[in-house]
Amino acid sequence: MITKQDTSRAEIFLLALQALSKAERKTVVNRLLEDPELREDLIDIAIVEERKGEPHRPFREYLAERSKKIKH
């Protein structure tokens, strides 16, 4: 669960990041990408954002369809 304090900290971080020069922001992003866990999180977030408008279906429906394909 995201708390009000989490949101406040995130806002402070975002404001500080926006205040940096382009070169400084690039350095921060590169440092984030050096950490495997943070890199994975950033990639996951980017994929979710990119695919927001795509049609979706329940996960159980997908699993049932996949199970049928595997059996044949």
PDB file of N, CA and C in Angstrom:
ATOM      1  N   MET A   1       0.839  -1.176   0.000  1.00  0.00           N
ATOM      2  CA  MET A   1       0.000   0.000   0.000  1.00  0.00           C
ATOM      3  C   MET A   1       0.889   1.247   0.000  1.00  0.00           C
ATOM      4  N   ILE A   2       0.576   2.173  -0.860  1.00  0.00           N
ATOM      5  CA  ILE A   2       1.338   3.418  -0.934  1.00  0.00           C
ATOM      6  C   ILE A   2       0.760   4.410   0.067  1.00  0.00           C
ATOM      7  N   THR A   3       1.632   4.918   0.923  1.00  0.00           N
ATOM      8  CA  THR A   3       1.192   5.850   1.947  1.00  0.00           C
ATOM      9  C   THR A   3       1.374   7.290   1.472  1.00  0.00           C
ATOM     10  N   LYS A   4       0.802   8.199   2.217  1.00  0.00           N
ATOM     11  CA  LYS A   4       0.951   9.624   1.935  1.00  0.00           C
ATOM     12  C   LYS A   4       2.427  10.025   2.037  1.00  0.00           C
ATOM     13  N   GLN A   5       3.124   9.432   2.994  1.00  0.00           N
ATOM     14  CA  GLN A   5       4.548   9.720   3.171  1.00  0.00           C
ATOM     15  C   GLN A   5       5.343   9.244   1.952  1.00  0.00           C
ATOM     16  N   ASP A   6       4.993   8.061   1.415  1.00  0.00           N
ATOM     17  CA  ASP A   6       5.664   7.560   0.208  1.00  0.00           C
ATOM     18  C   ASP A   6       5.462   8.531  -0.948  1.00  0.00           C
ATOM     19  N   THR A   7       4.255   8.996  -1.110  1.00  0.00           N
ATOM     20  CA  THR A   7       3.933   9.930  -2.194  1.00  0.00           C
ATOM     21  C   THR A   7       4.701  11.229  -2.022  1.00  0.00           C
ATOM     22  N   SER A   8       4.791  11.719  -0.802  1.00  0.00           N
ATOM     23  CA  SER A   8       5.521  12.954  -0.527  1.00  0.00           C
ATOM     24  C   SER A   8       7.005  12.800  -0.862  1.00  0.00           C
ATOM     25  N   ARG A   9       7.586  11.695  -0.464  1.00  0.00           N
ATOM     26  CA  ARG A   9       8.996  11.447  -0.774  1.00  0.00           C
ATOM     27  C   ARG A   9       9.213  11.355  -2.277  1.00  0.00           C
ATOM     28  N   ALA A  10       8.311  10.690  -2.953  1.00  0.00           N
ATOM     29  CA  ALA A  10       8.425  10.554  -4.406  1.00  0.00           C
ATOM     30  C   ALA A  10       8.336  11.916  -5.082  1.00  0.00           C
ATOM     31  N   GLU A  11       7.462  12.774  -4.596  1.00  0.00           N
ATOM     32  CA  GLU A  11       7.326  14.126  -5.159  1.00  0.00           C
ATOM     33  C   GLU A  11       8.614  14.930  -4.976  1.00  0.00           C
ATOM     34  N   ILE A  12       9.201  14.821  -3.796  1.00  0.00           N
ATOM     35  CA  ILE A  12      10.461  15.531  -3.522  1.00  0.00           C
ATOM     36  C   ILE A  12      11.550  15.032  -4.469  1.00  0.00           C
ATOM     37  N   PHE A  13      11.637  13.721  -4.625  1.00  0.00           N
ATOM     38  CA  PHE A  13      12.634  13.144  -5.518  1.00  0.00           C
ATOM     39  C   PHE A  13      12.404  13.632  -6.949  1.00  0.00           C
ATOM     40  N   LEU A  14      11.158  13.615  -7.402  1.00  0.00           N
ATOM     41  CA  LEU A  14      10.836  14.042  -8.761  1.00  0.00           C
ATOM     42  C   LEU A  14      11.176  15.513  -8.984  1.00  0.00           C
ATOM     43  N   LEU A  15      10.847  16.347  -8.030  1.00  0.00           N
ATOM     44  CA  LEU A  15      11.182  17.770  -8.149  1.00  0.00           C
ATOM     45  C   LEU A  15      12.697  17.972  -8.230  1.00  0.00           C
ATOM     46  N   ALA A  16      13.440  17.234  -7.404  1.00  0.00           N
ATOM     47  CA  ALA A  16      14.900  17.342  -7.439  1.00  0.00           C
ATOM     48  C   ALA A  16      15.439  16.859  -8.780  1.00  0.00           C
ATOM     49  N   LEU A  17      14.896  15.776  -9.285  1.00  0.00           N
ATOM     50  CA  LEU A  17      15.330  15.243 -10.581  1.00  0.00           C
ATOM     51  C   LEU A  17      15.050  16.235 -11.707  1.00  0.00           C
ATOM     52  N   GLN A  18      13.879  16.852 -11.681  1.00  0.00           N
ATOM     53  CA  GLN A  18      13.514  17.830 -12.713  1.00  0.00           C
ATOM     54  C   GLN A  18      14.390  19.074 -12.654  1.00  0.00           C
ATOM     55  N   ALA A  19      14.923  19.382 -11.503  1.00  0.00           N
ATOM     56  CA  ALA A  19      15.760  20.568 -11.335  1.00  0.00           C
ATOM     57  C   ALA A  19      17.173  20.362 -11.885  1.00  0.00           C
ATOM     58  N   LEU A  20      17.544  19.127 -12.143  1.00  0.00           N
ATOM     59  CA  LEU A  20      18.875  18.836 -12.667  1.00  0.00           C
ATOM     60  C   LEU A  20      18.990  19.207 -14.141  1.00  0.00           C
ATOM     61  N   SER A  21      20.215  19.409 -14.569  1.00  0.00           N
ATOM     62  CA  SER A  21      20.458  19.632 -16.002  1.00  0.00           C
ATOM     63  C   SER A  21      20.223  18.308 -16.736  1.00  0.00           C
ATOM     64  N   LYS A  22      20.129  18.377 -18.053  1.00  0.00           N
ATOM     65  CA  LYS A  22      19.913  17.169 -18.839  1.00  0.00           C
ATOM     66  C   LYS A  22      21.052  16.166 -18.610  1.00  0.00           C
ATOM     67  N   ALA A  23      22.274  16.650 -18.558  1.00  0.00           N
ATOM     68  CA  ALA A  23      23.425  15.775 -18.335  1.00  0.00           C
ATOM     69  C   ALA A  23      23.352  15.112 -16.957  1.00  0.00           C
ATOM     70  N   GLU A  24      22.939  15.868 -15.954  1.00  0.00           N
ATOM     71  CA  GLU A  24      22.823  15.318 -14.601  1.00  0.00           C
ATOM     72  C   GLU A  24      21.702  14.273 -14.538  1.00  0.00           C
ATOM     73  N   ARG A  25      20.573  14.571 -15.199  1.00  0.00           N
ATOM     74  CA  ARG A  25      19.467  13.595 -15.228  1.00  0.00           C
ATOM     75  C   ARG A  25      19.922  12.308 -15.906  1.00  0.00           C
ATOM     76  N   LYS A  26      20.687  12.439 -16.996  1.00  0.00           N
ATOM     77  CA  LYS A  26      21.186  11.263 -17.691  1.00  0.00           C
ATOM     78  C   LYS A  26      22.077  10.437 -16.759  1.00  0.00           C
ATOM     79  N   THR A  27      22.904  11.110 -15.986  1.00  0.00           N
ATOM     80  CA  THR A  27      23.774  10.418 -15.033  1.00  0.00           C
ATOM     81  C   THR A  27      22.944   9.659 -14.002  1.00  0.00           C
ATOM     82  N   VAL A  28      21.897  10.291 -13.483  1.00  0.00           N
ATOM     83  CA  VAL A  28      21.035   9.636 -12.487  1.00  0.00           C
ATOM     84  C   VAL A  28      20.367   8.408 -13.101  1.00  0.00           C
ATOM     85  N   VAL A  29      19.824   8.556 -14.288  1.00  0.00           N
ATOM     86  CA  VAL A  29      19.145   7.433 -14.943  1.00  0.00           C
ATOM     87  C   VAL A  29      20.136   6.302 -15.202  1.00  0.00           C
ATOM     88  N   ASN A  30      21.314   6.635 -15.673  1.00  0.00           N
ATOM     89  CA  ASN A  30      22.322   5.592 -15.904  1.00  0.00           C
ATOM     90  C   ASN A  30      22.680   4.861 -14.622  1.00  0.00           C
ATOM     91  N   ARG A  31      22.768   5.589 -13.524  1.00  0.00           N
ATOM     92  CA  ARG A  31      23.066   4.958 -12.227  1.00  0.00           C
ATOM     93  C   ARG A  31      21.927   4.034 -11.800  1.00  0.00           C
ATOM     94  N   LEU A  32      20.687   4.462 -12.050  1.00  0.00           N
ATOM     95  CA  LEU A  32      19.532   3.608 -11.731  1.00  0.00           C
ATOM     96  C   LEU A  32      19.593   2.317 -12.544  1.00  0.00           C
ATOM     97  N   LEU A  33      19.955   2.439 -13.806  1.00  0.00           N
ATOM     98  CA  LEU A  33      20.004   1.282 -14.686  1.00  0.00           C
ATOM     99  C   LEU A  33      21.143   0.319 -14.343  1.00  0.00           C
ATOM    100  N   GLU A  34      22.145   0.792 -13.634  1.00  0.00           N
ATOM    101  CA  GLU A  34      23.250  -0.072 -13.219  1.00  0.00           C
ATOM    102  C   GLU A  34      22.829  -1.087 -12.162  1.00  0.00           C
ATOM    103  N   ASP A  35      21.805  -0.761 -11.401  1.00  0.00           N
ATOM    104  CA  ASP A  35      21.308  -1.658 -10.356  1.00  0.00           C
ATOM    105  C   ASP A  35      20.315  -2.637 -10.999  1.00  0.00           C
ATOM    106  N   PRO A  36      20.606  -3.948 -10.974  1.00  0.00           N
ATOM    107  CA  PRO A  36      19.734  -4.921 -11.644  1.00  0.00           C
ATOM    108  C   PRO A  36      18.267  -4.874 -11.197  1.00  0.00           C
ATOM    109  N   GLU A  37      18.028  -4.720  -9.899  1.00  0.00           N
ATOM    110  CA  GLU A  37      16.643  -4.683  -9.407  1.00  0.00           C
ATOM    111  C   GLU A  37      15.923  -3.421  -9.877  1.00  0.00           C
ATOM    112  N   LEU A  38      16.592  -2.281  -9.783  1.00  0.00           N
ATOM    113  CA  LEU A  38      15.977  -1.035 -10.229  1.00  0.00           C
ATOM    114  C   LEU A  38      15.753  -1.046 -11.737  1.00  0.00           C
ATOM    115  N   ARG A  39      16.720  -1.601 -12.480  1.00  0.00           N
ATOM    116  CA  ARG A  39      16.579  -1.697 -13.927  1.00  0.00           C
ATOM    117  C   ARG A  39      15.350  -2.533 -14.278  1.00  0.00           C
ATOM    118  N   GLU A  40      15.179  -3.667 -13.603  1.00  0.00           N
ATOM    119  CA  GLU A  40      14.016  -4.522 -13.851  1.00  0.00           C
ATOM    120  C   GLU A  40      12.717  -3.783 -13.534  1.00  0.00           C
ATOM    121  N   ASP A  41      12.698  -3.055 -12.423  1.00  0.00           N
ATOM    122  CA  ASP A  41      11.510  -2.276 -12.064  1.00  0.00           C
ATOM    123  C   ASP A  41      11.189  -1.227 -13.131  1.00  0.00           C
ATOM    124  N   LEU A  42      12.210  -0.523 -13.596  1.00  0.00           N
ATOM    125  CA  LEU A  42      12.005   0.513 -14.609  1.00  0.00           C
ATOM    126  C   LEU A  42      11.489  -0.083 -15.919  1.00  0.00           C
ATOM    127  N   ILE A  43      12.037  -1.222 -16.304  1.00  0.00           N
ATOM    128  CA  ILE A  43      11.573  -1.886 -17.527  1.00  0.00           C
ATOM    129  C   ILE A  43      10.118  -2.320 -17.366  1.00  0.00           C
ATOM    130  N   ASP A  44       9.790  -2.913 -16.227  1.00  0.00           N
ATOM    131  CA  ASP A  44       8.405  -3.342 -15.971  1.00  0.00           C
ATOM    132  C   ASP A  44       7.442  -2.158 -16.038  1.00  0.00           C
ATOM    133  N   ILE A  45       7.814  -1.051 -15.415  1.00  0.00           N
ATOM    134  CA  ILE A  45       6.968   0.142 -15.416  1.00  0.00           C
ATOM    135  C   ILE A  45       6.786   0.660 -16.834  1.00  0.00           C
ATOM    136  N   ALA A  46       7.866   0.700 -17.602  1.00  0.00           N
ATOM    137  CA  ALA A  46       7.792   1.185 -18.983  1.00  0.00           C
ATOM    138  C   ALA A  46       6.874   0.302 -19.824  1.00  0.00           C
ATOM    139  N   ILE A  47       6.964  -1.011 -19.650  1.00  0.00           N
ATOM    140  CA  ILE A  47       6.111  -1.930 -20.407  1.00  0.00           C
ATOM    141  C   ILE A  47       4.646  -1.732 -20.040  1.00  0.00           C
ATOM    142  N   VAL A  48       4.362  -1.621 -18.758  1.00  0.00           N
ATOM    143  CA  VAL A  48       2.974  -1.409 -18.317  1.00  0.00           C
ATOM    144  C   VAL A  48       2.420  -0.111 -18.905  1.00  0.00           C
ATOM    145  N   GLU A  49       3.193   0.958 -18.836  1.00  0.00           N
ATOM    146  CA  GLU A  49       2.752   2.246 -19.380  1.00  0.00           C
ATOM    147  C   GLU A  49       2.515   2.159 -20.880  1.00  0.00           C
ATOM    148  N   GLU A  50       3.396   1.470 -21.574  1.00  0.00           N
ATOM    149  CA  GLU A  50       3.297   1.345 -23.022  1.00  0.00           C
ATOM    150  C   GLU A  50       2.064   0.549 -23.441  1.00  0.00           C
ATOM    151  N   ARG A  51       1.686  -0.414 -22.628  1.00  0.00           N
ATOM    152  CA  ARG A  51       0.602  -1.321 -23.003  1.00  0.00           C
ATOM    153  C   ARG A  51      -0.739  -0.984 -22.354  1.00  0.00           C
ATOM    154  N   LYS A  52      -0.834   0.148 -21.669  1.00  0.00           N
ATOM    155  CA  LYS A  52      -2.063   0.513 -20.948  1.00  0.00           C
ATOM    156  C   LYS A  52      -3.315   0.482 -21.818  1.00  0.00           C
ATOM    157  N   GLY A  53      -3.211   0.932 -23.048  1.00  0.00           N
ATOM    158  CA  GLY A  53      -4.394   1.029 -23.896  1.00  0.00           C
ATOM    159  C   GLY A  53      -4.771  -0.256 -24.604  1.00  0.00           C
ATOM    160  N   GLU A  54      -3.975  -1.287 -24.453  1.00  0.00           N
ATOM    161  CA  GLU A  54      -4.253  -2.547 -25.141  1.00  0.00           C
ATOM    162  C   GLU A  54      -5.420  -3.275 -24.487  1.00  0.00           C
ATOM    163  N   PRO A  55      -6.146  -4.042 -25.299  1.00  0.00           N
ATOM    164  CA  PRO A  55      -7.236  -4.836 -24.712  1.00  0.00           C
ATOM    165  C   PRO A  55      -6.655  -5.856 -23.733  1.00  0.00           C
ATOM    166  N   HIS A  56      -7.432  -6.223 -22.759  1.00  0.00           N
ATOM    167  CA  HIS A  56      -6.951  -7.183 -21.770  1.00  0.00           C
ATOM    168  C   HIS A  56      -8.031  -8.218 -21.491  1.00  0.00           C
ATOM    169  N   ARG A  57      -7.625  -9.275 -20.822  1.00  0.00           N
ATOM    170  CA  ARG A  57      -8.567 -10.341 -20.451  1.00  0.00           C
ATOM    171  C   ARG A  57      -8.107 -10.945 -19.129  1.00  0.00           C
ATOM    172  N   PRO A  58      -8.993 -11.648 -18.466  1.00  0.00           N
ATOM    173  CA  PRO A  58      -8.627 -12.243 -17.179  1.00  0.00           C
ATOM    174  C   PRO A  58      -7.489 -13.252 -17.337  1.00  0.00           C
ATOM    175  N   PHE A  59      -6.617 -13.275 -16.348  1.00  0.00           N
ATOM    176  CA  PHE A  59      -5.465 -14.163 -16.374  1.00  0.00           C
ATOM    177  C   PHE A  59      -5.895 -15.626 -16.435  1.00  0.00           C
ATOM    178  N   ARG A  60      -6.950 -15.980 -15.725  1.00  0.00           N
ATOM    179  CA  ARG A  60      -7.431 -17.366 -15.734  1.00  0.00           C
ATOM    180  C   ARG A  60      -7.861 -17.784 -17.139  1.00  0.00           C
ATOM    181  N   GLU A  61      -8.443 -16.854 -17.879  1.00  0.00           N
ATOM    182  CA  GLU A  61      -8.844 -17.137 -19.259  1.00  0.00           C
ATOM    183  C   GLU A  61      -7.607 -17.442 -20.118  1.00  0.00           C
ATOM    184  N   TYR A  62      -6.575 -16.643 -19.946  1.00  0.00           N
ATOM    185  CA  TYR A  62      -5.319 -16.872 -20.662  1.00  0.00           C
ATOM    186  C   TYR A  62      -4.738 -18.239 -20.312  1.00  0.00           C
ATOM    187  N   LEU A  63      -4.711 -18.577 -19.012  1.00  0.00           N
ATOM    188  CA  LEU A  63      -4.162 -19.867 -18.593  1.00  0.00           C
ATOM    189  C   LEU A  63      -4.957 -21.031 -19.178  1.00  0.00           C
ATOM    190  N   ALA A  64      -6.281 -20.912 -19.217  1.00  0.00           N
ATOM    191  CA  ALA A  64      -7.117 -21.972 -19.780  1.00  0.00           C
ATOM    192  C   ALA A  64      -6.801 -22.155 -21.262  1.00  0.00           C
ATOM    193  N   GLU A  65      -6.669 -21.060 -21.985  1.00  0.00           N
ATOM    194  CA  GLU A  65      -6.348 -21.130 -23.410  1.00  0.00           C
ATOM    195  C   GLU A  65      -4.968 -21.749 -23.620  1.00  0.00           C
ATOM    196  N   ARG A  66      -4.029 -21.339 -22.823  1.00  0.00           N
ATOM    197  CA  ARG A  66      -2.666 -21.859 -22.929  1.00  0.00           C
ATOM    198  C   ARG A  66      -2.629 -23.359 -22.627  1.00  0.00           C
ATOM    199  N   SER A  67      -3.378 -23.757 -21.628  1.00  0.00           N
ATOM    200  CA  SER A  67      -3.442 -25.178 -21.249  1.00  0.00           C
ATOM    201  C   SER A  67      -3.992 -26.006 -22.408  1.00  0.00           C
ATOM    202  N   LYS A  68      -5.001 -25.500 -23.094  1.00  0.00           N
ATOM    203  CA  LYS A  68      -5.581 -26.223 -24.245  1.00  0.00           C
ATOM    204  C   LYS A  68      -4.555 -26.368 -25.355  1.00  0.00           C
ATOM    205  N   LYS A  69      -3.776 -25.336 -25.607  1.00  0.00           N
ATOM    206  CA  LYS A  69      -2.765 -25.375 -26.670  1.00  0.00           C
ATOM    207  C   LYS A  69      -1.662 -26.370 -26.348  1.00  0.00           C
ATOM    208  N   ILE A  70      -1.284 -26.460 -25.093  1.00  0.00           N
ATOM    209  CA  ILE A  70      -0.221 -27.369 -24.677  1.00  0.00           C
ATOM    210  C   ILE A  70      -0.663 -28.823 -24.819  1.00  0.00           C
ATOM    211  N   LYS A  71      -1.930 -29.111 -24.522  1.00  0.00           N
ATOM    212  CA  LYS A  71      -2.452 -30.476 -24.584  1.00  0.00           C
ATOM    213  C   LYS A  71      -2.553 -30.973 -26.023  1.00  0.00           C
ATOM    214  N   HIS A  72      -2.715 -30.061 -26.994  1.00  0.00           N
ATOM    215  CA  HIS A  72      -2.878 -30.476 -28.410  1.00  0.00           C
ATOM    216  C   HIS A  72      -1.602 -30.564 -29.098  1.00  0.00           C
TER     217      HIS A  72
END
